Full PDB file with SEQRES, HELIX, SHEET, SSBOND, CRYST1, ORIGX, SCALE, CONECT and MASTER records, all heavy atoms in Angstrom:
SEQRES   1 A   35  ALA PRO ARG ASN PRO ASN PHE ILE GLU ASP SER GLU GLY          
SEQRES   2 A   35  HIS ILE VAL TRP PRO LEU ASP LYS TYR LEU ASP GLU GLY          
SEQRES   3 A   35  GLU ARG HIS THR ASN TRP LEU ALA GLU                          
CRYST1    1.000    1.000    1.000  90.00  90.00  90.00 P 1           1          
ORIGX1      1.000000  0.000000  0.000000        0.00000                         
ORIGX2      0.000000  1.000000  0.000000        0.00000                         
ORIGX3      0.000000  0.000000  1.000000        0.00000                         
SCALE1      1.000000  0.000000  0.000000        0.00000                         
SCALE2      0.000000  1.000000  0.000000        0.00000                         
SCALE3      0.000000  0.000000  1.000000        0.00000                         
ATOM      1  N   ALA A   1     -23.620  47.948 -65.344  1.00  0.00           N  
ATOM      2  CA  ALA A   1     -22.979  46.664 -65.348  1.00  0.00           C  
ATOM      3  C   ALA A   1     -23.849  45.547 -64.595  1.00  0.00           C  
ATOM      4  O   ALA A   1     -24.016  44.442 -65.140  1.00  0.00           O  
ATOM      5  CB  ALA A   1     -21.650  46.730 -64.886  1.00  0.00           C  
ATOM      6  N   PRO A   2     -24.272  45.846 -63.319  1.00  0.00           N  
ATOM      7  CA  PRO A   2     -24.725  44.691 -62.484  1.00  0.00           C  
ATOM      8  C   PRO A   2     -26.061  44.066 -63.043  1.00  0.00           C  
ATOM      9  O   PRO A   2     -26.789  44.685 -63.670  1.00  0.00           O  
ATOM     10  CB  PRO A   2     -24.973  45.383 -61.105  1.00  0.00           C  
ATOM     11  CG  PRO A   2     -24.231  46.638 -61.078  1.00  0.00           C  
ATOM     12  CD  PRO A   2     -24.125  47.032 -62.593  1.00  0.00           C  
ATOM     13  N   ARG A   3     -26.190  42.734 -62.789  1.00  0.00           N  
ATOM     14  CA  ARG A   3     -27.451  42.106 -63.088  1.00  0.00           C  
ATOM     15  C   ARG A   3     -28.600  42.646 -62.218  1.00  0.00           C  
ATOM     16  O   ARG A   3     -29.752  42.712 -62.687  1.00  0.00           O  
ATOM     17  CB  ARG A   3     -27.269  40.607 -62.802  1.00  0.00           C  
ATOM     18  CG  ARG A   3     -26.323  39.959 -63.777  1.00  0.00           C  
ATOM     19  CD  ARG A   3     -25.957  38.482 -63.266  1.00  0.00           C  
ATOM     20  NE  ARG A   3     -25.279  38.618 -61.919  1.00  0.00           N  
ATOM     21  CZ  ARG A   3     -24.996  37.578 -61.073  1.00  0.00           C  
ATOM     22  NH1 ARG A   3     -25.487  36.357 -61.516  1.00  0.00           N  
ATOM     23  NH2 ARG A   3     -24.328  37.732 -59.975  1.00  0.00           N  
ATOM     24  N   ASN A   4     -28.255  42.991 -61.020  1.00  0.00           N  
ATOM     25  CA  ASN A   4     -29.183  43.517 -60.081  1.00  0.00           C  
ATOM     26  C   ASN A   4     -28.735  44.865 -59.602  1.00  0.00           C  
ATOM     27  O   ASN A   4     -28.073  44.967 -58.524  1.00  0.00           O  
ATOM     28  CB  ASN A   4     -29.419  42.627 -58.890  1.00  0.00           C  
ATOM     29  CG  ASN A   4     -30.540  43.073 -57.882  1.00  0.00           C  
ATOM     30  OD1 ASN A   4     -31.320  43.857 -58.296  1.00  0.00           O  
ATOM     31  ND2 ASN A   4     -30.400  42.613 -56.677  1.00  0.00           N  
ATOM     32  N   PRO A   5     -29.075  45.949 -60.382  1.00  0.00           N  
ATOM     33  CA  PRO A   5     -28.523  47.302 -60.058  1.00  0.00           C  
ATOM     34  C   PRO A   5     -29.218  47.986 -58.895  1.00  0.00           C  
ATOM     35  O   PRO A   5     -30.016  48.996 -58.989  1.00  0.00           O  
ATOM     36  CB  PRO A   5     -28.704  48.048 -61.330  1.00  0.00           C  
ATOM     37  CG  PRO A   5     -29.984  47.357 -61.865  1.00  0.00           C  
ATOM     38  CD  PRO A   5     -29.931  45.987 -61.521  1.00  0.00           C  
ATOM     39  N   ASN A   6     -28.981  47.457 -57.643  1.00  0.00           N  
ATOM     40  CA  ASN A   6     -29.553  48.038 -56.499  1.00  0.00           C  
ATOM     41  C   ASN A   6     -28.439  48.070 -55.327  1.00  0.00           C  
ATOM     42  O   ASN A   6     -27.692  47.104 -55.258  1.00  0.00           O  
ATOM     43  CB  ASN A   6     -30.787  47.328 -56.016  1.00  0.00           C  
ATOM     44  CG  ASN A   6     -31.883  47.420 -56.991  1.00  0.00           C  
ATOM     45  OD1 ASN A   6     -32.433  48.480 -57.104  1.00  0.00           O  
ATOM     46  ND2 ASN A   6     -32.264  46.335 -57.698  1.00  0.00           N  
ATOM     47  N   PHE A   7     -28.495  49.114 -54.564  1.00  0.00           N  
ATOM     48  CA  PHE A   7     -27.534  49.130 -53.460  1.00  0.00           C  
ATOM     49  C   PHE A   7     -27.920  48.009 -52.479  1.00  0.00           C  
ATOM     50  O   PHE A   7     -29.200  47.706 -52.258  1.00  0.00           O  
ATOM     51  CB  PHE A   7     -27.603  50.448 -52.727  1.00  0.00           C  
ATOM     52  CG  PHE A   7     -26.985  51.620 -53.558  1.00  0.00           C  
ATOM     53  CD1 PHE A   7     -27.725  52.526 -54.317  1.00  0.00           C  
ATOM     54  CD2 PHE A   7     -25.578  51.789 -53.477  1.00  0.00           C  
ATOM     55  CE1 PHE A   7     -27.131  53.489 -55.053  1.00  0.00           C  
ATOM     56  CE2 PHE A   7     -24.958  52.757 -54.171  1.00  0.00           C  
ATOM     57  CZ  PHE A   7     -25.739  53.588 -54.968  1.00  0.00           C  
ATOM     58  N   ILE A   8     -26.989  47.460 -51.779  1.00  0.00           N  
ATOM     59  CA  ILE A   8     -27.222  46.446 -50.829  1.00  0.00           C  
ATOM     60  C   ILE A   8     -26.328  46.855 -49.452  1.00  0.00           C  
ATOM     61  O   ILE A   8     -25.479  47.635 -49.504  1.00  0.00           O  
ATOM     62  CB  ILE A   8     -26.774  45.135 -51.265  1.00  0.00           C  
ATOM     63  CG1 ILE A   8     -25.302  44.955 -51.652  1.00  0.00           C  
ATOM     64  CG2 ILE A   8     -27.617  44.654 -52.475  1.00  0.00           C  
ATOM     65  CD1 ILE A   8     -24.802  43.642 -51.934  1.00  0.00           C  
ATOM     66  N   GLU A   9     -26.687  46.102 -48.406  1.00  0.00           N  
ATOM     67  CA  GLU A   9     -25.864  46.285 -47.156  1.00  0.00           C  
ATOM     68  C   GLU A   9     -24.994  45.074 -47.006  1.00  0.00           C  
ATOM     69  O   GLU A   9     -25.416  43.966 -47.126  1.00  0.00           O  
ATOM     70  CB  GLU A   9     -26.808  46.334 -46.031  1.00  0.00           C  
ATOM     71  CG  GLU A   9     -26.277  46.651 -44.675  1.00  0.00           C  
ATOM     72  CD  GLU A   9     -27.293  46.836 -43.569  1.00  0.00           C  
ATOM     73  OE1 GLU A   9     -28.238  47.713 -43.772  1.00  0.00           O  
ATOM     74  OE2 GLU A   9     -27.152  46.124 -42.492  1.00  0.00           O  
ATOM     75  N   ASP A  10     -23.665  45.411 -46.777  1.00  0.00           N  
ATOM     76  CA  ASP A  10     -22.762  44.320 -46.672  1.00  0.00           C  
ATOM     77  C   ASP A  10     -22.771  43.755 -45.196  1.00  0.00           C  
ATOM     78  O   ASP A  10     -23.507  44.151 -44.374  1.00  0.00           O  
ATOM     79  CB  ASP A  10     -21.395  44.715 -46.980  1.00  0.00           C  
ATOM     80  CG  ASP A  10     -20.720  45.816 -46.182  1.00  0.00           C  
ATOM     81  OD1 ASP A  10     -21.239  45.962 -45.019  1.00  0.00           O  
ATOM     82  OD2 ASP A  10     -19.699  46.220 -46.484  1.00  0.00           O  
ATOM     83  N   SER A  11     -21.835  42.776 -44.942  1.00  0.00           N  
ATOM     84  CA  SER A  11     -21.857  42.120 -43.652  1.00  0.00           C  
ATOM     85  C   SER A  11     -21.442  43.007 -42.482  1.00  0.00           C  
ATOM     86  O   SER A  11     -21.684  42.727 -41.307  1.00  0.00           O  
ATOM     87  CB  SER A  11     -20.834  40.933 -43.689  1.00  0.00           C  
ATOM     88  OG  SER A  11     -19.615  41.369 -43.997  1.00  0.00           O  
ATOM     89  N   GLU A  12     -20.889  44.188 -42.790  1.00  0.00           N  
ATOM     90  CA  GLU A  12     -20.403  45.129 -41.826  1.00  0.00           C  
ATOM     91  C   GLU A  12     -21.570  46.198 -41.549  1.00  0.00           C  
ATOM     92  O   GLU A  12     -21.282  47.198 -40.897  1.00  0.00           O  
ATOM     93  CB  GLU A  12     -19.089  45.686 -42.071  1.00  0.00           C  
ATOM     94  CG  GLU A  12     -17.997  44.664 -42.082  1.00  0.00           C  
ATOM     95  CD  GLU A  12     -16.662  45.211 -42.371  1.00  0.00           C  
ATOM     96  OE1 GLU A  12     -16.598  46.380 -42.938  1.00  0.00           O  
ATOM     97  OE2 GLU A  12     -15.649  44.613 -42.178  1.00  0.00           O  
ATOM     98  N   GLY A  13     -22.614  46.116 -42.390  1.00  0.00           N  
ATOM     99  CA  GLY A  13     -23.669  47.080 -42.285  1.00  0.00           C  
ATOM    100  C   GLY A  13     -23.441  48.361 -43.050  1.00  0.00           C  
ATOM    101  O   GLY A  13     -24.184  49.305 -43.046  1.00  0.00           O  
ATOM    102  N   HIS A  14     -22.414  48.266 -44.061  1.00  0.00           N  
ATOM    103  CA  HIS A  14     -22.226  49.434 -44.965  1.00  0.00           C  
ATOM    104  C   HIS A  14     -23.096  49.231 -46.194  1.00  0.00           C  
ATOM    105  O   HIS A  14     -23.192  48.166 -46.748  1.00  0.00           O  
ATOM    106  CB  HIS A  14     -20.752  49.565 -45.253  1.00  0.00           C  
ATOM    107  CG  HIS A  14     -19.813  49.670 -44.103  1.00  0.00           C  
ATOM    108  ND1 HIS A  14     -19.811  50.825 -43.434  1.00  0.00           N  
ATOM    109  CD2 HIS A  14     -18.938  48.883 -43.730  1.00  0.00           C  
ATOM    110  CE1 HIS A  14     -18.994  50.715 -42.419  1.00  0.00           C  
ATOM    111  NE2 HIS A  14     -18.360  49.495 -42.568  1.00  0.00           N  
ATOM    112  N   ILE A  15     -23.475  50.452 -46.835  1.00  0.00           N  
ATOM    113  CA  ILE A  15     -24.264  50.392 -48.070  1.00  0.00           C  
ATOM    114  C   ILE A  15     -23.272  50.342 -49.159  1.00  0.00           C  
ATOM    115  O   ILE A  15     -22.252  51.110 -49.167  1.00  0.00           O  
ATOM    116  CB  ILE A  15     -25.104  51.645 -48.128  1.00  0.00           C  
ATOM    117  CG1 ILE A  15     -26.209  51.733 -47.022  1.00  0.00           C  
ATOM    118  CG2 ILE A  15     -25.850  51.654 -49.499  1.00  0.00           C  
ATOM    119  CD1 ILE A  15     -27.094  50.489 -47.033  1.00  0.00           C  
ATOM    120  N   VAL A  16     -23.309  49.350 -50.029  1.00  0.00           N  
ATOM    121  CA  VAL A  16     -22.429  49.164 -51.121  1.00  0.00           C  
ATOM    122  C   VAL A  16     -23.111  48.938 -52.387  1.00  0.00           C  
ATOM    123  O   VAL A  16     -24.305  48.593 -52.532  1.00  0.00           O  
ATOM    124  CB  VAL A  16     -21.445  47.967 -50.827  1.00  0.00           C  
ATOM    125  CG1 VAL A  16     -20.566  48.254 -49.589  1.00  0.00           C  
ATOM    126  CG2 VAL A  16     -22.187  46.743 -50.677  1.00  0.00           C  
ATOM    127  N   TRP A  17     -22.284  49.059 -53.568  1.00  0.00           N  
ATOM    128  CA  TRP A  17     -22.888  48.720 -54.858  1.00  0.00           C  
ATOM    129  C   TRP A  17     -22.351  47.495 -55.331  1.00  0.00           C  
ATOM    130  O   TRP A  17     -21.130  47.310 -55.464  1.00  0.00           O  
ATOM    131  CB  TRP A  17     -22.514  49.966 -55.736  1.00  0.00           C  
ATOM    132  CG  TRP A  17     -23.065  49.799 -57.146  1.00  0.00           C  
ATOM    133  CD1 TRP A  17     -22.444  49.476 -58.312  1.00  0.00           C  
ATOM    134  CD2 TRP A  17     -24.363  50.041 -57.529  1.00  0.00           C  
ATOM    135  NE1 TRP A  17     -23.272  49.400 -59.405  1.00  0.00           N  
ATOM    136  CE2 TRP A  17     -24.507  49.820 -58.932  1.00  0.00           C  
ATOM    137  CE3 TRP A  17     -25.568  50.371 -56.891  1.00  0.00           C  
ATOM    138  CZ2 TRP A  17     -25.699  49.928 -59.658  1.00  0.00           C  
ATOM    139  CZ3 TRP A  17     -26.725  50.531 -57.624  1.00  0.00           C  
ATOM    140  CH2 TRP A  17     -26.828  50.270 -58.987  1.00  0.00           C  
ATOM    141  N   PRO A  18     -23.223  46.487 -55.707  1.00  0.00           N  
ATOM    142  CA  PRO A  18     -22.722  45.185 -55.986  1.00  0.00           C  
ATOM    143  C   PRO A  18     -22.304  45.102 -57.540  1.00  0.00           C  
ATOM    144  O   PRO A  18     -23.036  44.554 -58.322  1.00  0.00           O  
ATOM    145  CB  PRO A  18     -23.972  44.294 -55.834  1.00  0.00           C  
ATOM    146  CG  PRO A  18     -25.201  45.338 -56.191  1.00  0.00           C  
ATOM    147  CD  PRO A  18     -24.609  46.595 -55.690  1.00  0.00           C  
ATOM    148  N   LEU A  19     -21.156  45.498 -57.826  1.00  0.00           N  
ATOM    149  CA  LEU A  19     -20.608  45.452 -59.163  1.00  0.00           C  
ATOM    150  C   LEU A  19     -20.307  44.072 -59.528  1.00  0.00           C  
ATOM    151  O   LEU A  19     -19.541  43.286 -58.854  1.00  0.00           O  
ATOM    152  CB  LEU A  19     -19.309  46.352 -59.243  1.00  0.00           C  
ATOM    153  CG  LEU A  19     -18.562  46.348 -60.640  1.00  0.00           C  
ATOM    154  CD1 LEU A  19     -19.581  46.963 -61.659  1.00  0.00           C  
ATOM    155  CD2 LEU A  19     -17.290  47.135 -60.567  1.00  0.00           C  
ATOM    156  N   ASP A  20     -20.819  43.688 -60.699  1.00  0.00           N  
ATOM    157  CA  ASP A  20     -20.453  42.284 -61.231  1.00  0.00           C  
ATOM    158  C   ASP A  20     -20.536  42.367 -62.766  1.00  0.00           C  
ATOM    159  O   ASP A  20     -21.262  43.278 -63.367  1.00  0.00           O  
ATOM    160  CB  ASP A  20     -21.274  41.167 -60.738  1.00  0.00           C  
ATOM    161  CG  ASP A  20     -22.646  41.317 -61.129  1.00  0.00           C  
ATOM    162  OD1 ASP A  20     -23.209  42.426 -61.513  1.00  0.00           O  
ATOM    163  OD2 ASP A  20     -23.492  40.318 -61.007  1.00  0.00           O  
ATOM    164  N   LYS A  21     -19.898  41.496 -63.544  1.00  0.00           N  
ATOM    165  CA  LYS A  21     -19.974  41.394 -65.003  1.00  0.00           C  
ATOM    166  C   LYS A  21     -19.636  42.715 -65.670  1.00  0.00           C  
ATOM    167  O   LYS A  21     -20.150  42.950 -66.683  1.00  0.00           O  
ATOM    168  CB  LYS A  21     -21.310  40.827 -65.380  1.00  0.00           C  
ATOM    169  CG  LYS A  21     -21.665  39.413 -64.916  1.00  0.00           C  
ATOM    170  CD  LYS A  21     -22.864  38.860 -65.556  1.00  0.00           C  
ATOM    171  CE  LYS A  21     -23.039  37.370 -65.251  1.00  0.00           C  
ATOM    172  NZ  LYS A  21     -22.007  36.508 -65.828  1.00  0.00           N  
ATOM    173  N   TYR A  22     -18.730  43.426 -65.077  1.00  0.00           N  
ATOM    174  CA  TYR A  22     -18.363  44.796 -65.736  1.00  0.00           C  
ATOM    175  C   TYR A  22     -17.798  44.613 -67.091  1.00  0.00           C  
ATOM    176  O   TYR A  22     -18.175  45.397 -68.007  1.00  0.00           O  
ATOM    177  CB  TYR A  22     -17.346  45.418 -64.828  1.00  0.00           C  
ATOM    178  CG  TYR A  22     -17.010  46.909 -65.390  1.00  0.00           C  
ATOM    179  CD1 TYR A  22     -17.757  47.986 -65.190  1.00  0.00           C  
ATOM    180  CD2 TYR A  22     -15.797  46.985 -66.161  1.00  0.00           C  
ATOM    181  CE1 TYR A  22     -17.479  49.183 -65.712  1.00  0.00           C  
ATOM    182  CE2 TYR A  22     -15.476  48.235 -66.640  1.00  0.00           C  
ATOM    183  CZ  TYR A  22     -16.333  49.381 -66.486  1.00  0.00           C  
ATOM    184  OH  TYR A  22     -16.026  50.486 -66.958  1.00  0.00           O  
ATOM    185  N   LEU A  23     -17.008  43.645 -67.391  1.00  0.00           N  
ATOM    186  CA  LEU A  23     -16.340  43.456 -68.645  1.00  0.00           C  
ATOM    187  C   LEU A  23     -17.239  42.641 -69.591  1.00  0.00           C  
ATOM    188  O   LEU A  23     -16.922  42.636 -70.855  1.00  0.00           O  
ATOM    189  CB  LEU A  23     -15.003  42.770 -68.450  1.00  0.00           C  
ATOM    190  CG  LEU A  23     -13.976  43.456 -67.740  1.00  0.00           C  
ATOM    191  CD1 LEU A  23     -12.702  42.684 -67.650  1.00  0.00           C  
ATOM    192  CD2 LEU A  23     -13.669  44.796 -68.460  1.00  0.00           C  
ATOM    193  N   ASP A  24     -18.394  42.127 -69.252  1.00  0.00           N  
ATOM    194  CA  ASP A  24     -19.371  41.480 -70.187  1.00  0.00           C  
ATOM    195  C   ASP A  24     -20.368  42.477 -70.692  1.00  0.00           C  
ATOM    196  O   ASP A  24     -21.380  42.721 -70.108  1.00  0.00           O  
ATOM    197  CB  ASP A  24     -20.157  40.371 -69.425  1.00  0.00           C  
ATOM    198  CG  ASP A  24     -19.119  39.269 -68.956  1.00  0.00           C  
ATOM    199  OD1 ASP A  24     -17.963  39.110 -69.598  1.00  0.00           O  
ATOM    200  OD2 ASP A  24     -19.431  38.480 -67.920  1.00  0.00           O  
ATOM    201  N   GLU A  25     -20.056  43.077 -71.845  1.00  0.00           N  
ATOM    202  CA  GLU A  25     -20.871  44.084 -72.402  1.00  0.00           C  
ATOM    203  C   GLU A  25     -22.140  43.490 -72.988  1.00  0.00           C  
ATOM    204  O   GLU A  25     -22.196  42.252 -73.358  1.00  0.00           O  
ATOM    205  CB  GLU A  25     -20.058  44.899 -73.359  1.00  0.00           C  
ATOM    206  CG  GLU A  25     -18.906  45.620 -72.819  1.00  0.00           C  
ATOM    207  CD  GLU A  25     -18.127  46.495 -73.830  1.00  0.00           C  
ATOM    208  OE1 GLU A  25     -18.161  46.160 -74.970  1.00  0.00           O  
ATOM    209  OE2 GLU A  25     -17.624  47.533 -73.345  1.00  0.00           O  
ATOM    210  N   GLY A  26     -23.118  44.366 -73.197  1.00  0.00           N  
ATOM    211  CA  GLY A  26     -24.331  43.837 -73.885  1.00  0.00           C  
ATOM    212  C   GLY A  26     -25.607  44.245 -73.137  1.00  0.00           C  
ATOM    213  O   GLY A  26     -25.626  45.029 -72.221  1.00  0.00           O  
ATOM    214  N   GLU A  27     -26.709  43.554 -73.476  1.00  0.00           N  
ATOM    215  CA  GLU A  27     -27.969  43.921 -72.894  1.00  0.00           C  
ATOM    216  C   GLU A  27     -27.994  43.706 -71.361  1.00  0.00           C  
ATOM    217  O   GLU A  27     -27.457  42.686 -70.938  1.00  0.00           O  
ATOM    218  CB  GLU A  27     -29.098  43.031 -73.507  1.00  0.00           C  
ATOM    219  CG  GLU A  27     -29.507  43.436 -74.909  1.00  0.00           C  
ATOM    220  CD  GLU A  27     -30.755  42.823 -75.447  1.00  0.00           C  
ATOM    221  OE1 GLU A  27     -31.279  42.018 -74.665  1.00  0.00           O  
ATOM    222  OE2 GLU A  27     -31.089  43.100 -76.604  1.00  0.00           O  
ATOM    223  N   ARG A  28     -28.723  44.530 -70.690  1.00  0.00           N  
ATOM    224  CA  ARG A  28     -29.174  44.301 -69.351  1.00  0.00           C  
ATOM    225  C   ARG A  28     -30.677  44.629 -69.263  1.00  0.00           C  
ATOM    226  O   ARG A  28     -31.195  45.674 -69.726  1.00  0.00           O  
ATOM    227  CB  ARG A  28     -28.386  45.290 -68.508  1.00  0.00           C  
ATOM    228  CG  ARG A  28     -26.914  45.218 -68.419  1.00  0.00           C  
ATOM    229  CD  ARG A  28     -26.525  43.957 -67.792  1.00  0.00           C  
ATOM    230  NE  ARG A  28     -25.027  43.886 -67.516  1.00  0.00           N  
ATOM    231  CZ  ARG A  28     -24.136  43.441 -68.421  1.00  0.00           C  
ATOM    232  NH1 ARG A  28     -24.465  43.115 -69.550  1.00  0.00           N  
ATOM    233  NH2 ARG A  28     -22.852  43.431 -67.982  1.00  0.00           N  
ATOM    234  N   HIS A  29     -31.386  43.758 -68.671  1.00  0.00           N  
ATOM    235  CA  HIS A  29     -32.787  43.884 -68.361  1.00  0.00           C  
ATOM    236  C   HIS A  29     -33.092  44.348 -66.973  1.00  0.00           C  
ATOM    237  O   HIS A  29     -32.652  43.660 -66.042  1.00  0.00           O  
ATOM    238  CB  HIS A  29     -33.545  42.552 -68.711  1.00  0.00           C  
ATOM    239  CG  HIS A  29     -33.415  42.206 -70.142  1.00  0.00           C  
ATOM    240  ND1 HIS A  29     -34.615  42.094 -70.952  1.00  0.00           N  
ATOM    241  CD2 HIS A  29     -32.363  41.782 -70.835  1.00  0.00           C  
ATOM    242  CE1 HIS A  29     -34.163  41.790 -72.121  1.00  0.00           C  
ATOM    243  NE2 HIS A  29     -32.838  41.485 -72.154  1.00  0.00           N  
ATOM    244  N   THR A  30     -33.676  45.514 -66.831  1.00  0.00           N  
ATOM    245  CA  THR A  30     -33.832  46.141 -65.546  1.00  0.00           C  
ATOM    246  C   THR A  30     -35.272  46.481 -65.316  1.00  0.00           C  
ATOM    247  O   THR A  30     -36.070  46.570 -66.331  1.00  0.00           O  
ATOM    248  CB  THR A  30     -32.934  47.291 -65.312  1.00  0.00           C  
ATOM    249  OG1 THR A  30     -33.485  48.388 -66.201  1.00  0.00           O  
ATOM    250  CG2 THR A  30     -31.536  47.093 -65.538  1.00  0.00           C  
ATOM    251  N   ASN A  31     -35.629  46.717 -64.109  1.00  0.00           N  
ATOM    252  CA  ASN A  31     -36.965  47.216 -63.780  1.00  0.00           C  
ATOM    253  C   ASN A  31     -36.828  48.614 -63.252  1.00  0.00           C  
ATOM    254  O   ASN A  31     -36.467  48.886 -62.059  1.00  0.00           O  
ATOM    255  CB  ASN A  31     -37.727  46.350 -62.691  1.00  0.00           C  
ATOM    256  CG  ASN A  31     -37.895  44.912 -63.304  1.00  0.00           C  
ATOM    257  OD1 ASN A  31     -38.090  44.794 -64.440  1.00  0.00           O  
ATOM    258  ND2 ASN A  31     -37.914  43.865 -62.376  1.00  0.00           N  
ATOM    259  N   TRP A  32     -36.991  49.548 -64.207  1.00  0.00           N  
ATOM    260  CA  TRP A  32     -36.901  50.994 -63.785  1.00  0.00           C  
ATOM    261  C   TRP A  32     -38.151  51.761 -64.348  1.00  0.00           C  
ATOM    262  O   TRP A  32     -38.274  51.853 -65.462  1.00  0.00           O  
ATOM    263  CB  TRP A  32     -35.638  51.666 -64.384  1.00  0.00           C  
ATOM    264  CG  TRP A  32     -35.514  53.138 -64.149  1.00  0.00           C  
ATOM    265  CD1 TRP A  32     -35.299  53.683 -62.900  1.00  0.00           C  
ATOM    266  CD2 TRP A  32     -35.561  54.209 -65.130  1.00  0.00           C  
ATOM    267  NE1 TRP A  32     -35.265  55.069 -62.981  1.00  0.00           N  
ATOM    268  CE2 TRP A  32     -35.378  55.355 -64.396  1.00  0.00           C  
ATOM    269  CE3 TRP A  32     -35.742  54.215 -66.492  1.00  0.00           C  
ATOM    270  CZ2 TRP A  32     -35.321  56.661 -65.024  1.00  0.00           C  
ATOM    271  CZ3 TRP A  32     -35.739  55.523 -67.043  1.00  0.00           C  
ATOM    272  CH2 TRP A  32     -35.530  56.609 -66.349  1.00  0.00           C  
ATOM    273  N   LEU A  33     -38.933  52.145 -63.397  1.00  0.00           N  
ATOM    274  CA  LEU A  33     -40.264  52.716 -63.680  1.00  0.00           C  
ATOM    275  C   LEU A  33     -41.255  51.734 -64.226  1.00  0.00           C  
ATOM    276  O   LEU A  33     -42.456  51.992 -64.179  1.00  0.00           O  
ATOM    277  CB  LEU A  33     -40.120  53.947 -64.534  1.00  0.00           C  
ATOM    278  CG  LEU A  33     -39.220  55.066 -64.063  1.00  0.00           C  
ATOM    279  CD1 LEU A  33     -39.230  56.196 -65.222  1.00  0.00           C  
ATOM    280  CD2 LEU A  33     -39.662  55.576 -62.738  1.00  0.00           C  
ATOM    281  N   ALA A  34     -40.781  50.756 -64.911  1.00  0.00           N  
ATOM    282  CA  ALA A  34     -41.639  49.653 -65.396  1.00  0.00           C  
ATOM    283  C   ALA A  34     -40.724  48.384 -65.579  1.00  0.00           C  
ATOM    284  O   ALA A  34     -39.415  48.458 -65.448  1.00  0.00           O  
ATOM    285  CB  ALA A  34     -42.187  50.057 -66.748  1.00  0.00           C  
ATOM    286  N   GLU A  35     -41.403  47.199 -65.709  1.00  0.00           N  
ATOM    287  CA  GLU A  35     -40.597  45.980 -65.862  1.00  0.00           C  
ATOM    288  C   GLU A  35     -40.080  45.849 -67.255  1.00  0.00           C  
ATOM    289  O   GLU A  35     -40.771  46.226 -68.229  1.00  0.00           O  
ATOM    290  CB  GLU A  35     -41.485  44.797 -65.497  1.00  0.00           C  
ATOM    291  CG  GLU A  35     -41.868  44.782 -64.009  1.00  0.00           C  
ATOM    292  CD  GLU A  35     -42.615  43.497 -63.742  1.00  0.00           C  
ATOM    293  OE1 GLU A  35     -42.839  42.725 -64.568  1.00  0.00           O  
ATOM    294  OE2 GLU A  35     -43.040  43.381 -62.502  1.00  0.00           O  
TER     295      GLU A  35                                                      
MASTER        0    0    0    0    0    0    0    6  294    1    0    3          
END                                                                             
């Protein structure tokens, strides 16, 4: 789902997954092993 599928650190220092646009189906362009 996310536009940027990478774990991030929140304001409390916890590692979280930035879920967004879950209901907007379709193409996602990612950089995995190649651009």
